[in-house]
Amino acid sequence: MEKRGHEVTLAVDGGEGLKLVEKQDYDMVFIDLKMPGMDGAELFSRIRMRKPYLPVVIMTGYPSSDMMTRASHLGAFAVIEKPFEESKLIRAVDVFLKIGKLIR
């Protein structure tokens, strides 16, 4: 993404990711569904409470999991199943950046 001119911020876990989202404005967020500490469904829920219009893309190798079911009840978002091709990631960024501009 950086090669395409996007600024990228990484978090080591859901807790750190939530702190970053609370402190800073982002155009979009990518969340791995399965991660240490707070899982992706919980992080997604907490982001939705704080910034309901922030585009969130969930990446997962477990599309049929309980975590995915919990996340899907929180509203519209995109899911990219792992493993994924770089073109899917690029397409998601392009689409969500356009949607984010329309919402703002």
C-alpha atoms as a PDB file:
ATOM      1  CA  MET A   1       0.000   0.000   0.000  1.00  0.00           C
ATOM      2  CA  GLU A   2       2.872   2.349   0.719  1.00  0.00           C
ATOM      3  CA  LYS A   3       4.182   1.781  -2.813  1.00  0.00           C
ATOM      4  CA  ARG A   4       0.778   3.027  -4.032  1.00  0.00           C
ATOM      5  CA  GLY A   5       1.156   6.256  -2.012  1.00  0.00           C
ATOM      6  CA  HIS A   6      -0.897   5.281   1.064  1.00  0.00           C
ATOM      7  CA  GLU A   7       0.305   5.856   4.606  1.00  0.00           C
ATOM      8  CA  VAL A   8       0.136   2.626   6.602  1.00  0.00           C
ATOM      9  CA  THR A   9       0.008   2.231  10.383  1.00  0.00           C
ATOM     10  CA  LEU A  10       0.399  -1.209  11.964  1.00  0.00           C
ATOM     11  CA  ALA A  11      -0.792  -2.450  15.339  1.00  0.00           C
ATOM     12  CA  VAL A  12       0.461  -5.616  17.034  1.00  0.00           C
ATOM     13  CA  ASP A  13      -2.944  -6.497  18.513  1.00  0.00           C
ATOM     14  CA  GLY A  14      -6.540  -5.336  18.874  1.00  0.00           C
ATOM     15  CA  GLY A  15      -5.884  -3.239  21.982  1.00  0.00           C
ATOM     16  CA  GLU A  16      -3.177  -1.237  20.262  1.00  0.00           C
ATOM     17  CA  GLY A  17      -5.334  -0.921  17.140  1.00  0.00           C
ATOM     18  CA  LEU A  18      -8.217   0.508  19.169  1.00  0.00           C
ATOM     19  CA  LYS A  19      -5.933   3.049  20.842  1.00  0.00           C
ATOM     20  CA  LEU A  20      -4.678   4.176  17.435  1.00  0.00           C
ATOM     21  CA  VAL A  21      -8.221   4.549  16.065  1.00  0.00           C
ATOM     22  CA  GLU A  22      -9.231   6.574  19.138  1.00  0.00           C
ATOM     23  CA  LYS A  23      -6.248   8.943  18.839  1.00  0.00           C
ATOM     24  CA  GLN A  24      -6.140   9.442  15.094  1.00  0.00           C
ATOM     25  CA  ASP A  25      -8.426   9.738  12.096  1.00  0.00           C
ATOM     26  CA  TYR A  26      -7.967   7.026   9.497  1.00  0.00           C
ATOM     27  CA  ASP A  27      -9.537   6.666   6.067  1.00  0.00           C
ATOM     28  CA  MET A  28     -10.035   2.924   6.604  1.00  0.00           C
ATOM     29  CA  VAL A  29      -9.022   0.029   8.829  1.00  0.00           C
ATOM     30  CA  PHE A  30      -8.068  -3.570   8.069  1.00  0.00           C
ATOM     31  CA  ILE A  31      -8.652  -6.054  10.890  1.00  0.00           C
ATOM     32  CA  ASP A  32      -7.550  -9.650  11.120  1.00  0.00           C
ATOM     33  CA  LEU A  33     -10.390 -11.636  12.661  1.00  0.00           C
ATOM     34  CA  LYS A  34      -8.086 -13.857  14.701  1.00  0.00           C
ATOM     35  CA  MET A  35      -5.414 -12.035  16.698  1.00  0.00           C
ATOM     36  CA  PRO A  36      -3.947 -12.034  20.190  1.00  0.00           C
ATOM     37  CA  GLY A  37      -5.916 -10.499  23.046  1.00  0.00           C
ATOM     38  CA  MET A  38      -9.007  -8.804  21.668  1.00  0.00           C
ATOM     39  CA  ASP A  39     -10.325 -10.692  18.628  1.00  0.00           C
ATOM     40  CA  GLY A  40     -11.303  -8.925  15.423  1.00  0.00           C
ATOM     41  CA  ALA A  41     -15.061  -9.114  16.101  1.00  0.00           C
ATOM     42  CA  GLU A  42     -14.631  -7.310  19.428  1.00  0.00           C
ATOM     43  CA  LEU A  43     -12.313  -4.723  17.889  1.00  0.00           C
ATOM     44  CA  PHE A  44     -14.792  -4.150  15.068  1.00  0.00           C
ATOM     45  CA  SER A  45     -17.584  -3.648  17.631  1.00  0.00           C
ATOM     46  CA  ARG A  46     -15.557  -1.115  19.582  1.00  0.00           C
ATOM     47  CA  ILE A  47     -14.555   0.787  16.444  1.00  0.00           C
ATOM     48  CA  ARG A  48     -18.229   0.913  15.363  1.00  0.00           C
ATOM     49  CA  MET A  49     -19.194   2.448  18.731  1.00  0.00           C
ATOM     50  CA  ARG A  50     -16.564   5.173  18.438  1.00  0.00           C
ATOM     51  CA  LYS A  51     -16.472   5.830  14.702  1.00  0.00           C
ATOM     52  CA  PRO A  52     -19.563   4.305  13.062  1.00  0.00           C
ATOM     53  CA  TYR A  53     -18.723   5.494   9.546  1.00  0.00           C
ATOM     54  CA  LEU A  54     -15.095   4.398   9.440  1.00  0.00           C
ATOM     55  CA  PRO A  55     -14.724   1.795   6.666  1.00  0.00           C
ATOM     56  CA  VAL A  56     -13.506  -1.519   8.091  1.00  0.00           C
ATOM     57  CA  VAL A  57     -12.336  -4.536   6.116  1.00  0.00           C
ATOM     58  CA  ILE A  58     -12.051  -7.852   7.950  1.00  0.00           C
ATOM     59  CA  MET A  59      -9.430 -10.316   6.746  1.00  0.00           C
ATOM     60  CA  THR A  60      -9.963 -13.903   7.799  1.00  0.00           C
ATOM     61  CA  GLY A  61      -9.088 -17.484   7.157  1.00  0.00           C
ATOM     62  CA  TYR A  62     -12.172 -18.433   9.185  1.00  0.00           C
ATOM     63  CA  PRO A  63     -15.220 -17.076   7.294  1.00  0.00           C
ATOM     64  CA  SER A  64     -17.622 -19.542   8.944  1.00  0.00           C
ATOM     65  CA  SER A  65     -16.445 -18.966  12.512  1.00  0.00           C
ATOM     66  CA  ASP A  66     -18.357 -17.683  15.526  1.00  0.00           C
ATOM     67  CA  MET A  67     -16.198 -14.542  15.460  1.00  0.00           C
ATOM     68  CA  MET A  68     -17.283 -13.870  11.890  1.00  0.00           C
ATOM     69  CA  THR A  69     -20.940 -14.372  12.846  1.00  0.00           C
ATOM     70  CA  ARG A  70     -20.573 -11.859  15.691  1.00  0.00           C
ATOM     71  CA  ALA A  71     -18.888  -9.343  13.395  1.00  0.00           C
ATOM     72  CA  SER A  72     -21.531  -9.723  10.683  1.00  0.00           C
ATOM     73  CA  HIS A  73     -24.274  -8.626  13.096  1.00  0.00           C
ATOM     74  CA  LEU A  74     -22.616  -5.225  13.495  1.00  0.00           C
ATOM     75  CA  GLY A  75     -23.431  -3.870  10.053  1.00  0.00           C
ATOM     76  CA  ALA A  76     -22.006  -3.518   6.609  1.00  0.00           C
ATOM     77  CA  PHE A  77     -18.343  -4.159   6.049  1.00  0.00           C
ATOM     78  CA  ALA A  78     -16.154  -6.046   3.637  1.00  0.00           C
ATOM     79  CA  VAL A  79     -14.539  -9.410   4.194  1.00  0.00           C
ATOM     80  CA  ILE A  80     -11.446 -10.631   2.420  1.00  0.00           C
ATOM     81  CA  GLU A  81     -10.780 -14.336   2.844  1.00  0.00           C
ATOM     82  CA  LYS A  82      -7.198 -15.487   3.311  1.00  0.00           C
ATOM     83  CA  PRO A  83      -5.195 -16.266   1.437  1.00  0.00           C
ATOM     84  CA  PHE A  84      -5.972 -13.371  -0.852  1.00  0.00           C
ATOM     85  CA  GLU A  85      -4.380 -11.858  -3.899  1.00  0.00           C
ATOM     86  CA  GLU A  86      -2.857  -8.406  -3.782  1.00  0.00           C
ATOM     87  CA  SER A  87      -5.408  -7.251  -6.382  1.00  0.00           C
ATOM     88  CA  LYS A  88      -8.278  -7.886  -3.910  1.00  0.00           C
ATOM     89  CA  LEU A  89      -6.588  -5.760  -1.298  1.00  0.00           C
ATOM     90  CA  ILE A  90      -5.954  -2.954  -3.769  1.00  0.00           C
ATOM     91  CA  ARG A  91      -9.558  -3.096  -4.991  1.00  0.00           C
ATOM     92  CA  ALA A  92     -10.877  -2.909  -1.397  1.00  0.00           C
ATOM     93  CA  VAL A  93      -8.720   0.129  -0.656  1.00  0.00           C
ATOM     94  CA  ASP A  94      -9.821   1.906  -3.836  1.00  0.00           C
ATOM     95  CA  VAL A  95     -13.530   1.244  -3.191  1.00  0.00           C
ATOM     96  CA  PHE A  96     -13.521   2.137   0.499  1.00  0.00           C
ATOM     97  CA  LEU A  97     -11.513   5.311   0.032  1.00  0.00           C
ATOM     98  CA  LYS A  98     -14.127   6.503  -2.474  1.00  0.00           C
ATOM     99  CA  ILE A  99     -16.975   5.549  -0.121  1.00  0.00           C
ATOM    100  CA  GLY A 100     -15.251   7.276   2.783  1.00  0.00           C
ATOM    101  CA  LYS A 101     -14.967  10.515   0.803  1.00  0.00           C
ATOM    102  CA  LEU A 102     -18.684  10.373  -0.052  1.00  0.00           C
ATOM    103  CA  ILE A 103     -19.641   9.816   3.586  1.00  0.00           C
ATOM    104  CA  ARG A 104     -17.497  12.696   4.822  1.00  0.00           C
END
